[in-house]
């Protein structure tokens, strides 16, 4: 249902057997029940991952979303139904995390933290600047003032979503949703809804 080879959330064989047994006489009932369950789980995975990221990392949901493409899909595959949630994007500028100061100030010591529970670390030669493009970031010079500058970057959303604490919480919440939604969808279809 969701994850990579090592981490996957699935509807158990017992749950699928129960859906098959109860809804076998309802045309399209099995697929409707499983598809609806997977769609709900996908939405849970997306929201719980963002919640987990902002709990573990010193970044807001708004800043995560600004730098990330989130794709949620439910599709039939090899006789089954598969749901995927994909977080894609480049490394997020460190400026979007816990940085001080947040506006360009002459001769200010810049400090930053990526993890929510950590204090900020000072960066000796860093500065905050707003580029002509309008982009504000945390930068450092590559030598003298005539040489180019480079921006400090933090992890990508995919890297943060792969954090073991974030994954464990997401898997737990997703499994709870599966357990509730399978029964809910069976009842809903038997009562004539969703068909």
C-alpha atoms as a PDB file:
ATOM      1  CA  UNK A   1       0.000   0.000   0.000  1.00  0.00           C
ATOM      2  CA  UNK A   2       2.644   2.558   1.001  1.00  0.00           C
ATOM      3  CA  UNK A   3       6.382   2.627   1.562  1.00  0.00           C
ATOM      4  CA  UNK A   4       9.522   1.128   0.185  1.00  0.00           C
ATOM      5  CA  UNK A   5      10.769  -2.462   0.317  1.00  0.00           C
ATOM      6  CA  UNK A   6      11.559  -2.195   4.027  1.00  0.00           C
ATOM      7  CA  UNK A   7       8.591  -0.118   5.209  1.00  0.00           C
ATOM      8  CA  UNK A   8       5.122  -0.777   3.938  1.00  0.00           C
ATOM      9  CA  UNK A   9       1.610  -0.316   5.228  1.00  0.00           C
ATOM     10  CA  UNK A  10      -0.786  -2.990   4.031  1.00  0.00           C
ATOM     11  CA  UNK A  11      -4.322  -4.190   4.380  1.00  0.00           C
ATOM     12  CA  UNK A  12      -3.881  -7.612   6.000  1.00  0.00           C
ATOM     13  CA  UNK A  13      -4.850 -10.853   4.297  1.00  0.00           C
ATOM     14  CA  UNK A  14      -7.525 -11.350   6.981  1.00  0.00           C
ATOM     15  CA  UNK A  15      -9.053  -7.940   6.250  1.00  0.00           C
ATOM     16  CA  UNK A  16      -9.089  -8.609   2.505  1.00  0.00           C
ATOM     17  CA  UNK A  17     -10.634 -12.046   3.102  1.00  0.00           C
ATOM     18  CA  UNK A  18     -13.320 -10.451   5.283  1.00  0.00           C
ATOM     19  CA  UNK A  19     -14.127  -7.850   2.599  1.00  0.00           C
ATOM     20  CA  UNK A  20     -14.271 -10.627  -0.043  1.00  0.00           C
ATOM     21  CA  UNK A  21     -16.526 -12.809   2.092  1.00  0.00           C
ATOM     22  CA  UNK A  22     -19.009 -10.101   3.033  1.00  0.00           C
ATOM     23  CA  UNK A  23     -19.095  -8.116  -0.227  1.00  0.00           C
ATOM     24  CA  UNK A  24     -18.702 -10.916  -2.787  1.00  0.00           C
ATOM     25  CA  UNK A  25     -22.397 -10.632  -3.694  1.00  0.00           C
ATOM     26  CA  UNK A  26     -22.275  -6.847  -4.200  1.00  0.00           C
ATOM     27  CA  UNK A  27     -21.221  -5.888  -7.739  1.00  0.00           C
ATOM     28  CA  UNK A  28     -17.995  -3.890  -7.508  1.00  0.00           C
ATOM     29  CA  UNK A  29     -18.288  -3.820  -3.728  1.00  0.00           C
ATOM     30  CA  UNK A  30     -14.885  -5.326  -2.987  1.00  0.00           C
ATOM     31  CA  UNK A  31     -12.988  -2.878  -5.186  1.00  0.00           C
ATOM     32  CA  UNK A  32     -15.028   0.092  -3.937  1.00  0.00           C
ATOM     33  CA  UNK A  33     -14.383  -0.795  -0.289  1.00  0.00           C
ATOM     34  CA  UNK A  34     -10.652  -1.311  -0.783  1.00  0.00           C
ATOM     35  CA  UNK A  35     -10.208   1.751  -3.047  1.00  0.00           C
ATOM     36  CA  UNK A  36     -12.004   4.008  -0.596  1.00  0.00           C
ATOM     37  CA  UNK A  37      -9.961   2.648   2.311  1.00  0.00           C
ATOM     38  CA  UNK A  38      -6.707   3.183   0.446  1.00  0.00           C
ATOM     39  CA  UNK A  39      -7.663   6.739  -0.557  1.00  0.00           C
ATOM     40  CA  UNK A  40      -8.371   7.571   3.097  1.00  0.00           C
ATOM     41  CA  UNK A  41      -5.072   5.991   4.177  1.00  0.00           C
ATOM     42  CA  UNK A  42      -3.179   7.977   1.511  1.00  0.00           C
ATOM     43  CA  UNK A  43      -4.649  11.212   2.876  1.00  0.00           C
ATOM     44  CA  UNK A  44      -3.697  10.156   6.411  1.00  0.00           C
ATOM     45  CA  UNK A  45      -0.146   9.343   5.305  1.00  0.00           C
ATOM     46  CA  UNK A  46       0.204  12.759   3.642  1.00  0.00           C
ATOM     47  CA  UNK A  47      -1.124  14.765   6.604  1.00  0.00           C
ATOM     48  CA  UNK A  48       0.604  12.681   9.303  1.00  0.00           C
ATOM     49  CA  UNK A  49       3.938  12.884   7.450  1.00  0.00           C
ATOM     50  CA  UNK A  50       3.721  16.684   7.332  1.00  0.00           C
ATOM     51  CA  UNK A  51       2.739  16.718  11.010  1.00  0.00           C
ATOM     52  CA  UNK A  52       5.645  14.413  11.892  1.00  0.00           C
ATOM     53  CA  UNK A  53       8.142  16.477   9.922  1.00  0.00           C
ATOM     54  CA  UNK A  54       7.124  19.675  11.700  1.00  0.00           C
ATOM     55  CA  UNK A  55       7.317  17.910  15.072  1.00  0.00           C
ATOM     56  CA  UNK A  56      10.832  16.502  14.526  1.00  0.00           C
ATOM     57  CA  UNK A  57      12.263  19.336  12.418  1.00  0.00           C
ATOM     58  CA  UNK A  58      12.327  23.097  13.044  1.00  0.00           C
ATOM     59  CA  UNK A  59      10.228  23.949   9.986  1.00  0.00           C
ATOM     60  CA  UNK A  60       6.605  24.952   9.430  1.00  0.00           C
ATOM     61  CA  UNK A  61       4.123  23.086   7.207  1.00  0.00           C
ATOM     62  CA  UNK A  62       3.907  26.175   5.020  1.00  0.00           C
ATOM     63  CA  UNK A  63       7.672  26.099   4.416  1.00  0.00           C
ATOM     64  CA  UNK A  64       7.630  22.357   3.716  1.00  0.00           C
ATOM     65  CA  UNK A  65       4.796  22.736   1.191  1.00  0.00           C
ATOM     66  CA  UNK A  66       6.498  25.695  -0.497  1.00  0.00           C
ATOM     67  CA  UNK A  67       9.487  23.503  -1.379  1.00  0.00           C
ATOM     68  CA  UNK A  68       7.758  20.165  -2.058  1.00  0.00           C
ATOM     69  CA  UNK A  69       5.602  18.412  -4.605  1.00  0.00           C
ATOM     70  CA  UNK A  70       3.256  15.898  -2.946  1.00  0.00           C
ATOM     71  CA  UNK A  71       1.611  13.308  -5.198  1.00  0.00           C
ATOM     72  CA  UNK A  72      -1.125  11.007  -3.885  1.00  0.00           C
ATOM     73  CA  UNK A  73      -2.311   8.161  -6.114  1.00  0.00           C
ATOM     74  CA  UNK A  74      -4.625   5.155  -5.934  1.00  0.00           C
ATOM     75  CA  UNK A  75      -4.495   2.744  -8.861  1.00  0.00           C
ATOM     76  CA  UNK A  76      -5.223  -0.852  -9.842  1.00  0.00           C
ATOM     77  CA  UNK A  77      -2.095  -2.928 -10.282  1.00  0.00           C
ATOM     78  CA  UNK A  78      -1.652  -6.660 -11.021  1.00  0.00           C
ATOM     79  CA  UNK A  79      -5.132  -7.571  -9.825  1.00  0.00           C
ATOM     80  CA  UNK A  80      -4.878  -5.424  -6.687  1.00  0.00           C
ATOM     81  CA  UNK A  81      -5.195  -1.827  -5.639  1.00  0.00           C
ATOM     82  CA  UNK A  82      -2.116   0.189  -4.709  1.00  0.00           C
ATOM     83  CA  UNK A  83      -1.920   3.566  -3.026  1.00  0.00           C
ATOM     84  CA  UNK A  84       1.196   5.717  -3.084  1.00  0.00           C
ATOM     85  CA  UNK A  85       2.208   8.996  -1.517  1.00  0.00           C
ATOM     86  CA  UNK A  86       5.301  10.617  -3.034  1.00  0.00           C
ATOM     87  CA  UNK A  87       7.212  13.562  -1.571  1.00  0.00           C
ATOM     88  CA  UNK A  88       9.484  15.103  -4.190  1.00  0.00           C
ATOM     89  CA  UNK A  89      11.673  18.171  -4.225  1.00  0.00           C
ATOM     90  CA  UNK A  90      15.167  19.473  -3.800  1.00  0.00           C
ATOM     91  CA  UNK A  91      16.947  20.231  -0.573  1.00  0.00           C
ATOM     92  CA  UNK A  92      15.144  22.978   1.317  1.00  0.00           C
ATOM     93  CA  UNK A  93      17.057  26.220   1.947  1.00  0.00           C
ATOM     94  CA  UNK A  94      18.299  26.339   5.540  1.00  0.00           C
ATOM     95  CA  UNK A  95      16.661  29.764   5.805  1.00  0.00           C
ATOM     96  CA  UNK A  96      13.237  28.017   5.896  1.00  0.00           C
ATOM     97  CA  UNK A  97      14.196  26.279   9.167  1.00  0.00           C
ATOM     98  CA  UNK A  98      14.863  27.920  12.564  1.00  0.00           C
ATOM     99  CA  UNK A  99      17.171  30.804  11.570  1.00  0.00           C
ATOM    100  CA  UNK A 100      18.028  34.038  13.336  1.00  0.00           C
ATOM    101  CA  UNK A 101      17.966  36.782  12.229  1.00  0.00           C
ATOM    102  CA  UNK A 102      15.262  36.299   9.598  1.00  0.00           C
ATOM    103  CA  UNK A 103      15.859  39.590   7.788  1.00  0.00           C
ATOM    104  CA  UNK A 104      19.076  40.999   6.288  1.00  0.00           C
ATOM    105  CA  UNK A 105      21.011  42.826   9.038  1.00  0.00           C
ATOM    106  CA  UNK A 106      24.557  44.186   8.687  1.00  0.00           C
ATOM    107  CA  UNK A 107      27.178  42.472  10.869  1.00  0.00           C
ATOM    108  CA  UNK A 108      24.741  40.112  12.610  1.00  0.00           C
ATOM    109  CA  UNK A 109      25.766  36.644  13.757  1.00  0.00           C
ATOM    110  CA  UNK A 110      23.558  34.144  11.950  1.00  0.00           C
ATOM    111  CA  UNK A 111      22.510  30.952  13.713  1.00  0.00           C
ATOM    112  CA  UNK A 112      20.307  28.057  12.594  1.00  0.00           C
ATOM    113  CA  UNK A 113      18.796  24.762  13.744  1.00  0.00           C
ATOM    114  CA  UNK A 114      17.325  21.973  11.613  1.00  0.00           C
ATOM    115  CA  UNK A 115      15.930  19.766  14.392  1.00  0.00           C
ATOM    116  CA  UNK A 116      13.097  21.088  16.555  1.00  0.00           C
ATOM    117  CA  UNK A 117      14.650  20.052  19.872  1.00  0.00           C
ATOM    118  CA  UNK A 118      18.074  21.566  19.217  1.00  0.00           C
ATOM    119  CA  UNK A 119      19.320  25.063  19.913  1.00  0.00           C
ATOM    120  CA  UNK A 120      20.629  27.152  17.050  1.00  0.00           C
ATOM    121  CA  UNK A 121      24.247  26.759  15.950  1.00  0.00           C
ATOM    122  CA  UNK A 122      26.111  29.969  15.036  1.00  0.00           C
ATOM    123  CA  UNK A 123      27.621  30.164  11.534  1.00  0.00           C
ATOM    124  CA  UNK A 124      30.767  32.304  11.523  1.00  0.00           C
ATOM    125  CA  UNK A 125      30.707  33.687   7.970  1.00  0.00           C
ATOM    126  CA  UNK A 126      26.999  33.369   7.180  1.00  0.00           C
ATOM    127  CA  UNK A 127      24.663  36.213   6.319  1.00  0.00           C
ATOM    128  CA  UNK A 128      21.005  36.686   5.411  1.00  0.00           C
ATOM    129  CA  UNK A 129      20.367  38.359   2.058  1.00  0.00           C
ATOM    130  CA  UNK A 130      17.510  39.066  -0.318  1.00  0.00           C
ATOM    131  CA  UNK A 131      18.472  38.440  -3.942  1.00  0.00           C
ATOM    132  CA  UNK A 132      17.282  40.533  -6.882  1.00  0.00           C
ATOM    133  CA  UNK A 133      14.887  37.672  -7.704  1.00  0.00           C
ATOM    134  CA  UNK A 134      13.152  38.251  -4.345  1.00  0.00           C
ATOM    135  CA  UNK A 135      14.519  35.026  -2.815  1.00  0.00           C
ATOM    136  CA  UNK A 136      15.745  35.447   0.762  1.00  0.00           C
ATOM    137  CA  UNK A 137      18.258  32.951   2.093  1.00  0.00           C
ATOM    138  CA  UNK A 138      21.211  32.204   4.335  1.00  0.00           C
ATOM    139  CA  UNK A 139      24.460  32.492   2.400  1.00  0.00           C
ATOM    140  CA  UNK A 140      28.246  32.528   2.751  1.00  0.00           C
ATOM    141  CA  UNK A 141      30.964  33.914   0.535  1.00  0.00           C
ATOM    142  CA  UNK A 142      33.416  31.558  -1.118  1.00  0.00           C
ATOM    143  CA  UNK A 143      36.422  33.677  -0.170  1.00  0.00           C
ATOM    144  CA  UNK A 144      36.832  37.373  -0.851  1.00  0.00           C
ATOM    145  CA  UNK A 145      33.908  39.693  -1.622  1.00  0.00           C
ATOM    146  CA  UNK A 146      34.453  39.313  -5.375  1.00  0.00           C
ATOM    147  CA  UNK A 147      33.921  35.585  -5.393  1.00  0.00           C
ATOM    148  CA  UNK A 148      30.432  34.062  -5.676  1.00  0.00           C
ATOM    149  CA  UNK A 149      28.227  33.206  -2.718  1.00  0.00           C
ATOM    150  CA  UNK A 150      26.598  29.872  -1.931  1.00  0.00           C
ATOM    151  CA  UNK A 151      23.404  29.150  -0.044  1.00  0.00           C
ATOM    152  CA  UNK A 152      23.189  26.876   2.982  1.00  0.00           C
ATOM    153  CA  UNK A 153      20.740  24.038   2.402  1.00  0.00           C
ATOM    154  CA  UNK A 154      18.878  21.725   4.778  1.00  0.00           C
ATOM    155  CA  UNK A 155      17.439  18.262   4.060  1.00  0.00           C
ATOM    156  CA  UNK A 156      14.765  17.600   1.430  1.00  0.00           C
ATOM    157  CA  UNK A 157      11.197  16.718   2.392  1.00  0.00           C
ATOM    158  CA  UNK A 158      11.789  13.127   1.235  1.00  0.00           C
ATOM    159  CA  UNK A 159      14.776  12.876   3.590  1.00  0.00           C
ATOM    160  CA  UNK A 160      12.753  14.273   6.498  1.00  0.00           C
ATOM    161  CA  UNK A 161       9.804  11.960   5.698  1.00  0.00           C
ATOM    162  CA  UNK A 162      12.252   9.034   5.881  1.00  0.00           C
ATOM    163  CA  UNK A 163      13.206   9.864   9.482  1.00  0.00           C
ATOM    164  CA  UNK A 164      12.585   6.775  11.633  1.00  0.00           C
ATOM    165  CA  UNK A 165      10.494   8.709  14.192  1.00  0.00           C
ATOM    166  CA  UNK A 166       8.325  10.260  11.475  1.00  0.00           C
ATOM    167  CA  UNK A 167       7.874   6.896   9.702  1.00  0.00           C
ATOM    168  CA  UNK A 168       6.972   5.007  12.876  1.00  0.00           C
ATOM    169  CA  UNK A 169       4.245   7.524  13.765  1.00  0.00           C
ATOM    170  CA  UNK A 170       2.880   7.586  10.204  1.00  0.00           C
ATOM    171  CA  UNK A 171       2.747   3.789  10.000  1.00  0.00           C
ATOM    172  CA  UNK A 172       0.936   3.554  13.337  1.00  0.00           C
ATOM    173  CA  UNK A 173      -1.692   6.140  12.361  1.00  0.00           C
ATOM    174  CA  UNK A 174      -2.157   4.639   8.888  1.00  0.00           C
ATOM    175  CA  UNK A 175      -2.707   1.161  10.338  1.00  0.00           C
ATOM    176  CA  UNK A 176      -5.353   2.565  12.706  1.00  0.00           C
ATOM    177  CA  UNK A 177      -7.129   4.138   9.732  1.00  0.00           C
ATOM    178  CA  UNK A 178      -7.022   0.851   7.782  1.00  0.00           C
ATOM    179  CA  UNK A 179      -8.499  -1.050  10.716  1.00  0.00           C
ATOM    180  CA  UNK A 180     -11.374   1.439  11.105  1.00  0.00           C
ATOM    181  CA  UNK A 181     -12.024   2.139   7.419  1.00  0.00           C
ATOM    182  CA  UNK A 182     -12.291  -1.484   6.269  1.00  0.00           C
ATOM    183  CA  UNK A 183     -15.212  -2.035   8.635  1.00  0.00           C
ATOM    184  CA  UNK A 184     -16.703   1.373   7.850  1.00  0.00           C
ATOM    185  CA  UNK A 185     -16.599   0.728   4.086  1.00  0.00           C
ATOM    186  CA  UNK A 186     -18.168  -2.736   4.463  1.00  0.00           C
ATOM    187  CA  UNK A 187     -21.054  -1.228   6.462  1.00  0.00           C
ATOM    188  CA  UNK A 188     -21.429   1.712   4.094  1.00  0.00           C
ATOM    189  CA  UNK A 189     -21.658  -0.493   0.988  1.00  0.00           C
ATOM    190  CA  UNK A 190     -24.024  -2.986   2.655  1.00  0.00           C
ATOM    191  CA  UNK A 191     -26.290  -0.059   3.563  1.00  0.00           C
ATOM    192  CA  UNK A 192     -26.432   1.025  -0.071  1.00  0.00           C
ATOM    193  CA  UNK A 193     -24.016   3.967   0.085  1.00  0.00           C
ATOM    194  CA  UNK A 194     -21.001   4.357  -2.186  1.00  0.00           C
ATOM    195  CA  UNK A 195     -22.529   2.294  -4.952  1.00  0.00           C
END
